[in-house]
Protein backbone atom coordinates (compact mmCIF):
# COMPACT_ATOMS: atom_id res chain seq x y z
CA MET A 1 5.99 15.67 -2.64
CA THR A 2 5.28 11.97 -2.18
CA GLU A 3 7.91 9.40 -3.06
CA MET A 4 5.99 8.43 -6.20
CA ASP A 5 5.65 12.05 -7.25
CA ALA A 6 9.39 12.50 -6.73
CA ILE A 7 10.14 9.47 -8.91
CA ASP A 8 7.78 10.72 -11.62
CA TRP A 9 9.32 14.20 -11.47
CA ALA A 10 12.85 12.81 -11.70
CA ASN A 11 11.84 10.79 -14.77
CA ARG A 12 10.32 13.84 -16.42
CA ILE A 13 13.40 16.03 -16.10
CA ARG A 14 16.25 13.59 -16.68
CA TYR A 15 17.93 13.12 -20.05
CA HIS A 16 16.54 10.16 -21.96
CA ALA A 17 19.15 8.94 -24.42
CA PRO A 18 17.67 6.95 -27.30
CA ARG A 19 18.23 3.26 -26.63
CA TRP A 20 16.83 1.84 -29.85
CA GLU A 21 17.18 2.70 -33.52
CA SER A 22 13.38 2.79 -33.71
CA THR A 23 13.42 5.58 -31.10
CA VAL A 24 15.85 7.63 -33.19
CA GLU A 25 13.66 7.01 -36.25
CA ALA A 26 10.56 8.13 -34.34
CA HIS A 27 12.26 11.39 -33.31
CA GLU A 28 13.29 12.02 -36.92
CA ALA A 29 9.76 11.29 -38.15
CA VAL A 30 8.28 13.77 -35.66
CA ARG A 31 10.70 16.48 -36.80
CA LYS A 32 9.84 15.83 -40.45
CA ILE A 33 6.09 15.85 -39.84
CA ILE A 34 6.22 19.11 -37.86
CA GLU A 35 8.47 20.75 -40.46
CA GLU A 36 6.20 19.75 -43.34
CA THR A 37 3.07 20.78 -41.44
CA GLY A 38 4.50 24.22 -40.68
CA LEU A 39 5.54 24.77 -44.29
CA GLU A 40 2.13 23.71 -45.60
CA LEU A 41 0.22 25.88 -43.13
CA ALA A 42 2.44 28.86 -43.91
CA LYS A 43 0.99 28.82 -47.45
CA PHE A 44 -2.44 29.74 -46.07
CA VAL A 45 -1.88 31.63 -42.83
CA ASN A 46 -1.20 35.35 -42.93
CA PRO A 47 1.81 36.74 -41.03
CA GLY A 48 0.96 38.14 -37.63
CA ARG A 49 0.14 37.14 -34.11
CA GLU A 50 -1.91 34.11 -35.14
CA PHE A 51 0.89 32.85 -37.37
CA SER A 52 3.40 33.23 -34.53
CA LEU A 53 1.10 31.39 -32.14
CA MET A 54 0.60 28.64 -34.70
CA LEU A 55 4.36 28.15 -34.92
CA THR A 56 4.65 28.15 -31.13
CA LYS A 57 1.97 25.47 -30.85
CA LEU A 58 3.72 23.35 -33.48
CA GLU A 59 6.94 23.66 -31.49
CA GLU A 60 5.04 22.61 -28.37
CA ALA A 61 3.52 19.64 -30.19
CA GLN A 62 6.99 18.59 -31.32
CA MET A 63 8.40 18.96 -27.82
CA TRP A 64 5.64 16.85 -26.26
CA ALA A 65 5.94 14.20 -28.97
CA HIS A 66 9.69 13.96 -28.35
CA ALA A 67 9.11 13.83 -24.60
CA SER A 68 6.65 10.97 -24.97
CA ILE A 69 8.99 9.01 -27.22
CA ALA A 70 11.99 9.59 -24.96
CA ARG A 71 10.24 8.88 -21.67
CA ASN A 72 8.46 5.78 -22.83
CA ASP A 73 10.90 4.01 -25.15
């Protein structure tokens, strides 16, 4: 691993405490959007494998959104 790769990797895995109130607000907004989206979609999607995958992908979207906010605040 090159030095730059090592620095990038270290940044990806370390804890990123929110430094700004706007960062905390962004995390809260992401959670609300994902929650509302899941509840709305659940009205139309039948239970089963596809529903489970949909929820997994929403969780992934939330995780990546939080990662982006935390890493780049």
